[in-house]
Protein backbone atom coordinates (compact mmCIF):
# COMPACT_ATOMS: atom_id res chain seq x y z
CA MET A 1 0.00 0.00 0.00
CA SER A 2 2.18 2.80 -1.37
CA SER A 3 0.20 5.63 0.29
CA LEU A 4 1.27 4.43 3.74
CA THR A 5 4.75 4.99 5.17
CA GLU A 6 6.73 3.66 8.10
CA LYS A 7 5.36 6.32 10.44
CA ASP A 8 1.84 5.03 9.75
CA ARG A 9 2.58 1.47 10.90
CA PRO A 10 1.90 2.04 14.63
CA ILE A 11 -1.38 3.79 13.76
CA VAL A 12 -2.48 0.98 11.46
CA GLN A 13 -1.65 -1.66 14.02
CA LEU A 14 -3.23 0.28 16.88
CA LEU A 15 -6.52 1.00 15.10
CA LEU A 16 -6.85 -2.50 13.65
CA ASN A 17 -6.45 -3.95 17.11
CA THR A 18 -9.17 -1.70 18.56
CA GLY A 19 -11.80 -2.54 15.91
CA THR A 20 -11.43 0.25 13.35
CA CYS A 21 -12.26 -0.44 9.69
CA PRO A 22 -9.60 -0.12 6.93
CA ARG A 23 -11.11 3.03 5.41
CA CYS A 24 -11.17 4.83 8.75
CA ILE A 25 -7.56 3.77 9.26
CA LEU A 26 -6.70 5.43 5.93
CA ARG A 27 -8.46 8.57 7.12
CA PHE A 28 -6.41 8.69 10.34
CA CYS A 29 -3.25 8.11 8.30
CA CYS A 30 -4.27 11.23 6.32
CA VAL A 31 -4.40 9.31 3.02
CA GLY A 32 -5.85 11.66 0.39
CA SER A 33 -5.98 9.26 -2.55
CA GLN A 34 -9.66 8.99 -3.49
CA THR A 35 -9.20 5.86 -5.57
CA LEU A 36 -7.68 3.96 -2.64
CA TYR A 37 -10.87 4.34 -0.61
CA ARG A 38 -12.84 2.83 -3.49
CA HIS A 39 -10.98 -0.47 -3.35
CA PRO A 40 -13.12 -3.40 -2.17
CA TYR A 41 -13.28 -3.72 1.59
CA LYS A 42 -11.65 -7.17 1.67
CA ASP A 43 -8.81 -5.98 -0.56
CA LEU A 44 -8.14 -3.05 1.75
CA MET A 45 -8.02 -5.35 4.77
CA LYS A 46 -5.64 -7.68 2.93
CA ASP A 47 -3.43 -4.75 1.89
CA LEU A 48 -3.21 -3.44 5.45
CA LYS A 49 -2.20 -6.87 6.76
CA GLU A 50 0.42 -7.11 4.01
CA PHE A 51 1.67 -3.64 4.88
CA LEU A 52 2.15 -4.61 8.53
CA LYS A 53 3.76 -7.92 7.58
CA ASN A 54 6.24 -6.32 5.18
CA ASN A 55 7.24 -3.67 7.66
CA GLN A 56 7.61 -6.30 10.36
CA GLU A 57 10.02 -8.27 8.19
CA LYS A 58 12.05 -5.14 7.43
CA GLU A 59 12.21 -4.30 11.10
CA ASP A 60 13.53 -7.75 11.94
CA THR A 61 16.55 -7.05 9.73
CA VAL A 62 17.44 -3.74 11.33
CA CYS A 63 20.91 -3.69 12.88
CA SER A 64 21.07 -3.92 16.65
CA ASP A 65 22.98 -0.63 17.00
CA VAL A 66 19.99 1.51 15.80
CA VAL A 67 19.05 3.85 18.62
CA ASP A 68 15.45 3.68 19.87
CA PRO A 69 13.93 1.57 17.08
CA PRO A 70 10.11 1.60 16.78
CA CYS A 71 8.46 -0.86 19.13
CA LYS A 72 7.26 -4.08 17.51
CA ARG A 73 4.22 -4.08 19.75
CA ILE A 74 2.29 -1.30 21.35
CA ARG A 75 2.52 -1.44 25.12
CA LEU A 76 0.60 1.64 26.19
CA GLU A 77 0.53 0.38 29.75
CA HIS A 78 4.21 1.33 30.03
CA THR A 79 3.63 5.01 29.22
CA GLU A 80 3.49 7.68 31.87
CA GLU A 81 0.03 8.47 33.10
CA GLY A 82 -1.27 11.88 32.10
CA PRO A 83 -4.44 13.55 30.81
CA GLY A 84 -3.96 11.90 27.42
CA ASP A 85 -3.65 8.45 29.00
CA LEU A 86 -7.03 8.40 30.71
CA ASN A 87 -10.11 6.39 29.87
CA HIS A 88 -13.63 6.81 31.25
CA ASN A 89 -12.39 5.50 34.59
CA GLY A 90 -9.33 7.74 34.64
CA ALA A 91 -6.85 5.49 32.82
CA LEU A 92 -6.16 4.85 29.15
CA GLN A 93 -7.49 1.48 28.13
CA GLN A 94 -4.86 -1.16 27.48
CA ILE A 95 -4.60 -2.20 23.86
CA PRO A 96 -4.08 -5.92 23.39
CA SER A 97 -0.82 -6.86 21.76
CA VAL A 98 -0.97 -8.68 18.48
CA ASN A 99 0.41 -12.10 19.25
CA ASP A 100 -1.77 -13.56 16.55
CA GLY A 101 -2.08 -10.76 14.03
CA ASN A 102 -4.17 -12.72 11.57
CA THR A 103 -6.85 -13.53 14.12
CA ALA A 104 -7.11 -9.96 15.35
CA MET A 105 -7.37 -8.56 11.85
CA GLU A 106 -9.87 -11.12 10.64
CA ASP A 107 -12.13 -10.20 13.54
CA SER A 108 -11.93 -6.50 12.68
CA ALA A 109 -13.03 -7.26 9.12
CA VAL A 110 -16.43 -8.51 10.19
CA LYS A 111 -17.16 -6.27 13.18
CA VAL A 112 -18.92 -2.93 12.91
CA CYS A 113 -16.27 -0.20 12.88
CA ASN A 114 -15.89 1.51 16.25
CA VAL A 115 -15.40 4.89 14.57
CA CYS A 116 -17.74 5.14 11.55
CA LEU A 117 -20.34 2.65 12.85
CA GLY A 118 -20.44 0.92 9.48
CA ILE A 119 -20.81 3.97 7.21
CA LEU A 120 -17.57 3.13 5.37
CA GLN A 121 -18.36 -0.57 5.41
CA GLU A 122 -21.82 -1.85 4.45
CA PHE A 123 -23.10 1.48 3.13
CA CYS A 124 -20.34 1.67 0.52
CA GLU A 125 -21.36 -1.60 -1.08
CA ALA A 126 -23.09 -1.97 -4.45
CA ASP A 127 -26.33 -3.23 -2.88
CA PHE A 128 -26.84 -0.02 -0.94
CA VAL A 129 -25.96 2.15 -3.94
CA LYS A 130 -28.58 0.28 -5.99
CA LYS A 131 -31.13 0.86 -3.24
CA VAL A 132 -30.45 4.61 -3.40
CA CYS A 133 -30.70 4.66 -7.19
CA GLN A 134 -33.96 2.71 -7.15
CA LYS A 135 -35.40 5.39 -4.88
CA VAL A 136 -34.18 8.14 -7.21
CA ASN A 137 -35.50 6.49 -10.36
CA SER A 138 -38.89 5.70 -8.83
CA ALA A 139 -39.32 9.39 -7.90
CA ASP A 140 -39.39 10.24 -11.64
CA TYR A 141 -37.29 13.43 -11.60
CA GLN A 142 -35.72 15.16 -14.58
CA PHE A 143 -32.03 15.87 -13.91
CA THR A 144 -28.76 16.08 -15.79
CA SER A 145 -26.43 15.90 -12.78
CA PHE A 146 -26.68 15.43 -9.04
CA VAL A 147 -25.20 16.54 -5.76
CA PHE A 148 -25.00 14.00 -2.95
CA SER A 149 -25.48 14.94 0.69
CA VAL A 150 -25.34 12.79 3.79
CA SER A 151 -26.47 13.31 7.37
CA LEU A 152 -24.56 11.30 9.95
CA PRO A 153 -25.39 10.30 13.55
CA PRO A 154 -24.05 12.96 15.95
CA GLN A 155 -22.04 10.49 18.06
CA LEU A 156 -19.69 9.83 15.14
CA SER A 157 -18.02 13.10 16.09
CA VAL A 158 -17.63 11.80 19.64
CA ARG A 159 -16.15 8.48 18.53
CA GLU A 160 -13.83 10.23 16.10
CA ARG A 161 -12.61 12.48 18.91
CA ALA A 162 -11.81 9.44 21.07
CA ALA A 163 -9.95 7.69 18.24
CA TRP A 164 -8.02 10.88 17.46
CA LEU A 165 -6.89 11.27 21.07
CA LEU A 166 -5.68 7.66 21.01
CA VAL A 167 -3.73 8.11 17.77
CA LYS A 168 -2.40 11.51 18.82
CA GLN A 169 -0.94 9.98 21.97
CA GLU A 170 0.69 7.12 20.07
CA MET A 171 2.24 9.50 17.54
CA GLY A 172 3.45 11.72 20.36
CA LYS A 173 5.55 8.83 21.64
CA LEU A 174 7.26 8.78 18.24
CA GLY A 175 7.88 12.51 18.33
CA LEU A 176 5.15 13.14 15.73
CA SER A 177 1.92 15.10 15.84
CA LEU A 178 -1.53 14.74 14.30
CA ALA A 179 -3.83 17.74 14.07
CA LYS A 180 -7.53 16.92 14.04
CA ASP A 181 -7.96 18.88 10.80
CA ASP A 182 -5.39 16.64 9.10
CA ILE A 183 -7.71 13.63 9.37
CA VAL A 184 -9.76 13.01 6.22
CA GLN A 185 -13.37 13.85 7.06
CA LEU A 186 -15.78 10.92 7.14
CA LYS A 187 -18.29 12.64 4.85
CA GLU A 188 -15.57 13.46 2.36
CA ALA A 189 -14.28 9.88 2.26
CA TYR A 190 -17.80 8.53 1.94
CA LYS A 191 -18.53 10.78 -1.03
CA TRP A 192 -15.26 9.75 -2.69
CA ILE A 193 -16.51 6.18 -2.58
CA ILE A 194 -20.18 6.79 -3.39
CA HIS A 195 -20.00 9.43 -6.13
CA PRO A 196 -18.55 7.21 -8.90
CA GLN A 197 -20.98 4.41 -8.08
CA LEU A 198 -24.03 6.69 -8.09
CA SER A 199 -22.83 8.42 -11.25
CA GLU A 200 -22.45 5.12 -13.09
CA GLU A 201 -25.79 3.78 -11.89
CA LEU A 202 -27.74 7.00 -12.61
CA GLY A 203 -25.93 7.79 -15.86
CA VAL A 204 -25.19 11.43 -14.96
CA PRO A 205 -22.16 13.16 -13.36
CA ALA A 206 -21.86 14.32 -9.77
CA ASP A 207 -21.68 18.11 -9.63
CA GLY A 208 -21.40 20.20 -6.49
CA LYS A 209 -23.42 22.98 -8.15
CA SER A 210 -26.23 20.72 -9.32
CA LEU A 211 -29.78 21.69 -8.35
CA PHE A 212 -30.79 18.04 -8.00
CA GLU A 213 -29.91 16.67 -4.58
CA VAL A 214 -29.82 13.06 -3.47
CA SER A 215 -29.60 12.85 0.31
CA VAL A 216 -29.23 9.99 2.76
CA VAL A 217 -29.96 10.35 6.47
CA PHE A 218 -28.27 7.88 8.79
CA ALA A 219 -29.27 7.27 12.39
CA HIS A 220 -28.05 5.07 15.22
CA PRO A 221 -30.02 3.71 18.19
CA GLU A 222 -27.26 4.50 20.71
CA THR A 223 -26.87 8.20 19.86
CA GLU A 224 -28.45 9.59 23.03
CA ASP A 225 -26.69 7.12 25.32
CA GLU A 226 -23.28 7.98 23.89
CA CYS A 227 -23.80 11.75 23.86
CA ARG A 228 -25.54 12.16 27.22
CA PHE A 229 -22.29 12.86 29.10
CA LEU A 230 -21.78 15.95 26.92
CA ALA A 231 -25.15 17.35 28.02
CA THR A 232 -24.05 16.96 31.63
CA ALA A 233 -20.66 18.58 31.00
CA CYS A 234 -21.92 21.35 28.67
CA PRO A 235 -25.66 21.83 29.34
CA ASP A 236 -25.77 25.23 27.59
CA CYS A 237 -24.97 23.54 24.26
CA PHE A 238 -28.12 21.41 24.29
CA LYS A 239 -31.28 23.46 24.17
CA PRO A 240 -34.62 21.96 23.05
CA ALA A 241 -35.96 23.20 19.72
CA LYS A 242 -39.53 22.87 18.47
CA ASN A 243 -38.53 21.37 15.14
CA LYS A 244 -35.95 18.93 16.54
CA GLN A 245 -36.84 15.51 17.94
CA SER A 246 -33.67 15.36 20.04
CA VAL A 247 -31.37 17.92 21.65
CA PHE A 248 -28.40 15.84 20.45
CA THR A 249 -28.01 17.44 17.03
CA ARG A 250 -24.75 17.34 15.12
CA MET A 251 -24.04 21.04 15.66
CA ALA A 252 -24.83 20.84 19.38
CA VAL A 253 -22.48 17.87 19.81
CA ILE A 254 -19.68 19.60 17.87
CA LYS A 255 -20.14 22.73 19.96
CA ALA A 256 -19.91 20.69 23.17
CA LEU A 257 -16.80 18.86 21.94
CA GLU A 258 -15.15 22.22 21.34
CA LYS A 259 -15.90 23.29 24.93
CA ILE A 260 -15.21 20.14 26.95
CA LYS A 261 -11.72 19.69 28.34
CA GLU A 262 -9.70 16.74 27.08
CA GLU A 263 -9.32 15.18 30.52
CA ASP A 264 -13.07 15.47 31.18
CA PHE A 265 -13.84 13.85 27.85
CA LEU A 266 -11.56 10.91 28.61
CA LYS A 267 -13.13 10.40 32.02
CA HIS A 268 -16.56 9.86 30.51
CA PHE A 269 -15.96 8.24 27.12
CA PRO A 270 -13.84 5.15 26.37
CA CYS A 271 -10.61 5.65 24.50
CA PRO A 272 -10.32 3.77 22.19
CA PRO A 273 -14.07 3.87 21.47
CA SER A 274 -15.82 0.63 22.33
CA SER A 275 -17.20 -1.75 19.72
CA PRO A 276 -20.78 -0.74 18.86
CA LYS A 277 -23.69 -3.07 19.42
CA ASN A 278 -25.51 -1.91 16.31
CA LEU A 279 -24.87 -0.79 12.76
CA CYS A 280 -26.07 2.59 11.50
CA VAL A 281 -29.45 2.63 9.76
CA ALA A 282 -30.32 4.59 6.61
CA VAL A 283 -33.62 6.06 7.82
CA GLU A 284 -34.26 8.33 4.83
CA ILE A 285 -33.27 8.42 1.18
CA GLN A 286 -34.62 11.61 -0.33
CA CYS A 287 -34.52 13.50 -3.63
CA ASN A 288 -35.03 17.20 -4.13
CA ASN A 289 -34.87 19.38 -7.21
CA GLY A 290 -33.98 23.05 -6.92
CA ALA A 291 -36.88 25.43 -7.44
CA VAL A 292 -37.96 26.47 -10.93
CA PHE A 293 -39.26 30.00 -11.50
CA VAL A 294 -42.00 30.93 -13.98
CA ALA A 295 -42.92 34.53 -14.74
CA GLY A 296 -45.48 36.35 -16.85
CA ARG A 297 -48.18 39.01 -16.72
CA TYR A 298 -51.81 38.49 -15.80
CA ASN A 299 -55.00 40.35 -16.59
CA LYS A 300 -57.87 40.12 -14.14
CA TYR A 301 -61.34 40.76 -15.55
CA SER A 302 -63.50 39.90 -12.54
CA ARG A 303 -64.56 42.28 -9.75
CA ASN A 304 -65.16 39.34 -7.46
CA LEU A 305 -61.74 37.65 -7.49
CA PRO A 306 -58.92 38.20 -4.95
CA GLN A 307 -55.29 37.98 -5.99
CA THR A 308 -54.54 35.39 -3.29
CA PRO A 309 -56.89 33.08 -1.34
CA TRP A 310 -59.22 35.18 0.80
CA ILE A 311 -59.44 33.44 4.17
CA ILE A 312 -60.60 35.13 7.37
CA ASP A 313 -60.53 33.30 10.72
CA GLY A 314 -60.03 30.02 8.90
CA GLU A 315 -63.10 30.56 6.70
CA ARG A 316 -62.72 30.90 2.94
CA LYS A 317 -64.66 33.87 1.55
CA LEU A 318 -64.37 33.28 -2.21
CA GLU A 319 -63.87 30.02 -4.07
CA SER A 320 -60.82 30.96 -6.10
CA SER A 321 -58.07 33.52 -6.67
CA VAL A 322 -55.69 34.74 -9.38
CA GLU A 323 -52.87 32.83 -7.71
CA GLU A 324 -54.76 29.55 -7.74
CA LEU A 325 -56.12 29.84 -11.28
CA ILE A 326 -52.55 30.21 -12.58
CA SER A 327 -50.65 27.94 -10.23
CA GLU A 328 -52.88 24.85 -10.41
CA HIS A 329 -51.85 24.27 -14.03
CA LEU A 330 -48.18 24.98 -13.38
CA MET A 331 -48.16 22.63 -10.40
CA ALA A 332 -49.64 19.85 -12.51
CA GLU A 333 -47.23 20.27 -15.42
CA PHE A 334 -44.06 20.76 -13.35
CA LYS A 335 -45.14 18.10 -10.82
CA ALA A 336 -44.02 20.32 -7.95
CA ASP A 337 -44.60 19.85 -4.22
CA SER A 338 -45.72 23.42 -3.57
CA PHE A 339 -45.42 26.98 -4.89
CA ASN A 340 -44.85 30.58 -3.81
CA PHE A 341 -46.62 33.37 -5.68
CA SER A 342 -45.37 36.95 -5.90
CA SER A 343 -46.28 39.95 -8.03
CA SER A 344 -45.51 43.59 -8.67
CA GLY A 345 -48.07 44.98 -6.26
CA ARG A 346 -51.62 43.75 -5.85
CA GLU A 347 -55.15 44.86 -6.64
CA ASP A 348 -58.22 44.63 -4.42
CA VAL A 349 -60.79 41.92 -4.94
CA ASP A 350 -63.14 44.35 -6.76
CA VAL A 351 -60.46 45.93 -8.97
CA ARG A 352 -59.74 44.78 -12.52
CA THR A 353 -56.25 44.69 -14.03
CA LEU A 354 -56.30 45.56 -17.71
CA GLY A 355 -53.79 46.70 -20.34
CA ASN A 356 -50.60 44.65 -20.51
CA GLY A 357 -51.33 43.12 -17.13
CA ARG A 358 -49.47 42.85 -13.84
CA PRO A 359 -46.04 41.12 -13.67
CA PHE A 360 -45.99 37.98 -11.52
CA ALA A 361 -43.61 35.15 -10.67
CA ILE A 362 -44.21 31.70 -9.23
CA GLU A 363 -41.58 29.62 -7.46
CA LEU A 364 -42.26 25.92 -8.01
CA VAL A 365 -40.76 23.95 -5.13
CA ASN A 366 -39.16 20.55 -5.76
CA PRO A 367 -40.43 20.07 -9.34
CA ARG A 368 -40.11 16.63 -10.95
CA ARG A 369 -40.17 18.13 -14.45
CA ILE A 370 -37.83 21.05 -15.17
CA ARG A 371 -37.30 21.17 -18.95
CA PHE A 372 -39.86 22.96 -21.14
CA THR A 373 -39.44 24.30 -24.65
CA ALA A 374 -40.77 27.71 -25.69
CA GLU A 375 -43.60 25.96 -27.53
CA GLU A 376 -44.51 23.94 -24.47
CA MET A 377 -44.63 27.11 -22.35
CA LYS A 378 -46.86 28.72 -24.97
CA GLY A 379 -49.15 25.70 -24.81
CA LEU A 380 -49.23 25.89 -21.00
CA GLN A 381 -50.17 29.56 -21.23
CA GLN A 382 -53.04 28.68 -23.56
CA THR A 383 -54.23 25.98 -21.15
CA ILE A 384 -54.42 28.54 -18.34
CA ASN A 385 -56.26 31.04 -20.52
CA ASN A 386 -58.79 28.46 -21.70
CA SER A 387 -59.56 27.38 -18.14
CA SER A 388 -61.17 30.63 -16.96
CA ASP A 389 -62.74 33.82 -18.28
CA LYS A 390 -61.74 35.66 -15.09
CA ILE A 391 -58.04 35.90 -15.91
CA GLN A 392 -55.61 35.72 -18.82
CA VAL A 393 -51.84 35.40 -18.77
CA ARG A 394 -49.23 36.48 -21.29
CA ASP A 395 -45.45 36.30 -21.72
CA LEU A 396 -45.28 33.06 -19.69
CA GLN A 397 -41.63 32.01 -19.44
CA LEU A 398 -38.96 30.35 -17.33
CA VAL A 399 -36.76 32.81 -15.45
CA THR A 400 -33.95 32.71 -12.89
CA ARG A 401 -34.28 33.49 -9.19
CA SER A 402 -32.12 36.59 -9.55
CA ALA A 403 -34.28 37.96 -12.37
CA ILE A 404 -37.30 38.15 -10.05
CA GLY A 405 -35.53 40.94 -8.19
CA ARG A 406 -36.20 43.25 -11.15
CA MET A 407 -39.93 42.85 -10.60
CA LYS A 408 -39.66 43.75 -6.92
CA GLU A 409 -37.39 46.73 -7.62
CA GLY A 410 -40.14 48.25 -9.73
CA GLU A 411 -42.81 48.10 -7.01
CA GLU A 412 -41.88 51.44 -5.43
CA GLU A 413 -39.89 53.04 -8.24
CA LYS A 414 -42.23 52.69 -11.21
CA THR A 415 -45.55 54.33 -12.06
CA LYS A 416 -49.03 52.87 -12.40
CA THR A 417 -52.00 54.07 -14.38
CA TYR A 418 -55.58 53.78 -13.13
CA SER A 419 -59.11 54.51 -14.26
CA ALA A 420 -61.60 55.39 -11.50
CA LEU A 421 -65.38 55.84 -11.76
CA ILE A 422 -66.24 58.55 -9.20
CA TRP A 423 -69.56 59.65 -7.65
CA THR A 424 -70.19 63.01 -6.00
CA ASP A 425 -73.04 63.94 -3.66
CA LYS A 426 -73.50 67.42 -5.19
CA ALA A 427 -74.18 67.91 -8.85
CA ILE A 428 -71.19 68.76 -11.02
CA GLN A 429 -70.66 70.24 -14.43
CA LYS A 430 -67.77 69.58 -16.77
CA GLU A 431 -66.09 72.82 -15.81
CA ASP A 432 -66.18 71.84 -12.12
CA ILE A 433 -63.69 69.03 -12.70
CA ALA A 434 -61.65 70.48 -15.58
CA PHE A 435 -59.05 71.97 -13.22
CA LEU A 436 -58.00 68.47 -12.19
CA ASP A 437 -56.40 68.05 -15.63
CA ASP A 438 -53.98 70.88 -14.89
CA ILE A 439 -52.70 69.47 -11.59
CA LYS A 440 -49.23 67.91 -11.92
CA GLU A 441 -47.04 66.12 -9.36
CA LEU A 442 -49.58 66.43 -6.57
CA LYS A 443 -48.05 65.35 -3.25
CA LEU A 444 -50.19 63.30 -0.88
CA ASP A 445 -49.79 62.38 2.77
CA GLN A 446 -51.45 58.99 3.20
CA LYS A 447 -51.89 57.54 6.64
CA THR A 448 -52.23 53.75 6.52
CA PRO A 449 -55.82 53.13 5.34
CA LEU A 450 -58.28 51.78 7.88
CA ARG A 451 -59.10 48.82 5.61
CA VAL A 452 -55.52 47.52 5.65
CA LEU A 453 -54.50 48.60 9.14
CA HIS A 454 -54.86 45.02 10.40
CA ARG A 455 -51.99 43.88 8.16
CA ARG A 456 -49.91 47.02 7.58
CA PRO A 457 -48.02 49.12 10.16
CA LEU A 458 -49.41 52.53 11.02
CA ALA A 459 -47.43 55.15 9.13
CA VAL A 460 -47.79 58.28 7.02
CA ARG A 461 -46.53 57.71 3.49
CA CYS A 462 -45.78 60.43 0.98
CA ARG A 463 -47.07 59.56 -2.50
CA ILE A 464 -47.32 61.47 -5.76
CA ILE A 465 -50.13 61.80 -8.31
CA HIS A 466 -48.19 62.60 -11.48
CA THR A 467 -51.11 63.47 -13.77
CA MET A 468 -54.93 63.35 -13.88
CA GLN A 469 -57.33 63.39 -16.82
CA SER A 470 -61.06 63.82 -16.12
CA GLU A 471 -63.90 62.49 -18.27
CA TYR A 472 -67.36 63.94 -17.48
CA ILE A 473 -70.28 61.47 -17.48
CA ASP A 474 -73.26 63.14 -15.77
CA GLU A 475 -74.16 65.39 -12.84
CA HIS A 476 -72.98 62.91 -10.24
CA HIS A 477 -70.42 60.78 -12.10
CA PHE A 478 -67.11 61.24 -13.86
CA ARG A 479 -64.19 59.04 -14.75
CA LEU A 480 -60.69 60.00 -13.67
CA HIS A 481 -57.55 58.62 -15.34
CA LEU A 482 -54.54 58.85 -13.02
CA LYS A 483 -50.85 58.23 -13.38
CA THR A 484 -49.38 57.72 -9.92
CA GLN A 485 -46.37 56.65 -7.97
CA ALA A 486 -46.46 52.93 -7.21
CA GLY A 487 -47.91 52.25 -3.79
CA THR A 488 -50.52 55.00 -3.88
CA TYR A 489 -53.89 54.10 -2.34
CA ILE A 490 -56.29 55.27 -5.06
CA LYS A 491 -59.57 54.58 -3.26
CA GLU A 492 -58.43 56.65 -0.29
CA PHE A 493 -57.27 59.45 -2.61
CA VAL A 494 -60.83 59.65 -3.90
CA HIS A 495 -62.91 59.50 -0.70
CA GLY A 496 -60.27 60.73 1.79
CA ASP A 497 -60.55 57.84 4.28
CA PHE A 498 -62.03 60.13 6.98
CA GLY A 499 -59.28 62.67 6.46
CA ARG A 500 -56.43 60.16 6.59
CA THR A 501 -55.37 61.01 2.98
CA LYS A 502 -54.70 64.71 2.30
CA PRO A 503 -55.48 66.20 -0.11
CA ASN A 504 -58.15 64.05 -1.77
CA ILE A 505 -60.70 64.38 -4.58
CA GLY A 506 -63.43 65.25 -2.09
CA SER A 507 -61.40 68.09 -0.59
CA LEU A 508 -60.27 69.32 -4.02
CA LEU A 509 -63.89 69.45 -5.29
CA ASN A 510 -65.20 70.66 -1.91
CA ARG A 511 -67.83 67.95 -1.79
CA THR A 512 -68.23 64.30 -0.79
CA ALA A 513 -66.76 61.91 -3.34
CA ASP A 514 -66.63 58.14 -3.48
CA ILE A 515 -65.25 55.56 -5.85
CA LEU A 516 -67.58 53.11 -7.60
CA GLU A 517 -65.15 51.23 -9.83
CA LEU A 518 -61.41 51.05 -10.19
CA ASP A 519 -59.30 49.53 -12.93
CA VAL A 520 -55.53 49.17 -13.16
CA GLU A 521 -54.71 50.16 -16.74
CA SER A 522 -50.94 49.65 -16.64
CA VAL A 523 -48.12 48.61 -14.32
CA ASP A 524 -45.01 50.24 -15.74
CA VAL A 525 -42.46 47.56 -14.90
CA ASP A 526 -40.51 46.41 -17.96
CA TRP A 527 -40.33 42.81 -16.79
CA PRO A 528 -40.63 40.00 -17.71
CA PRO A 529 -39.49 40.38 -21.31
CA THR A 530 -42.30 40.58 -23.85
CA LEU A 531 -42.68 37.43 -25.94
CA ASP A 532 -44.13 36.96 -29.40
CA ASN A 533 -47.27 35.14 -28.33
């Protein structure tokens, strides 16, 4: 085994004797060759035995005048007692000498590893890889690459700490050192082994930037028993959380291991770590595709349709909404788990949105299907439009997450155009409203309207009416076309909201005014790009 050198021999022998698997031994010898970890388990065990045998033969030929030659056997009981020599009872456990090396090593080949709890043993085999791939294929996702993630039982960090302290002490006797960061991480080694197998079985490459994630969650029945001493030593690291079944999370355990003193650790946890009673269990194999974003513009032709579901005190007020009429078709085609709807502003339930429509975007969470041609998107748009006479969509297209920011940027910066049908209590003539056409850049102070005060903070907002154009209808009615700053409350500008919006149409005309109908005629946000539909 060319990656190992003479200085590794005591580590190999020590860890084999204490029940550590060959791949974990490579990790503690800081072997960075990915291909070596992928060798069959039995071959690795055979190579390690051969490595020890060859080095033993070389050592037997060393001249007798060599000063302080490496010990043939590890006799830790002869070392001086100190903090690094303690076990859970206050003394470092004695490591059996290898009188019959073959027997000791054969036993370690079949036992569950005392460091990785079997992660680098059984769960690296072809049968487990096939099980993962069967789960992926049955989920029916579209993907061109994958990223693999793994969640490990928290006590693996504890067992690794115990093994590291053991190895560190042995190397110290040889005048060498081993920093914890020098050890190859378990997750990293596992991915080195698993990635090529998954890639071959799934037929796509592993890619750290892939949006398609395959994840495996491992658990172990002895986690709480093995970590409980940390909660006693560092209680502030283990705080119950509503969304966590156990306080012994990986991060909490790591935090406690950083705080606990080495001598306290060794008093409460065996070093070397004891042989486990059970193997790890793969409790979850999950797939998840990164979100897909669809954007477009919608027109709303109904005066009895909210933008989002209208639910008050758990009771639904209207049967549908703009959001639902659009998203139900997208959800079905993309086979997504859920969605998030957003738009450039919103209209009231009784307000129509005309003209080029209002920009919107929908985030489709964990979609199974992600690839659509322009023609397929056009067909999906037509399906939505044929399903209801209350809405229509246009410019339906796939966009990136970052592009959605352009829609939100326009909410406060851009202008909007409205058409309002207004009633007055006193009779009016055309000349009574003509002066409105000459008003430009009218500044308003709008206190949060009473009708939205339950969901918006109380504040006074300065808004601008850029232009107005009046259209006389009869003695008590006229239509007003307004171009305003985004975020202006038009209804309140008309009736005044009990004086909360100043000035208002009522105060300008010196009479009571109210709004009967309101239409949004344009939302001046140049996004998403216009398509040739």
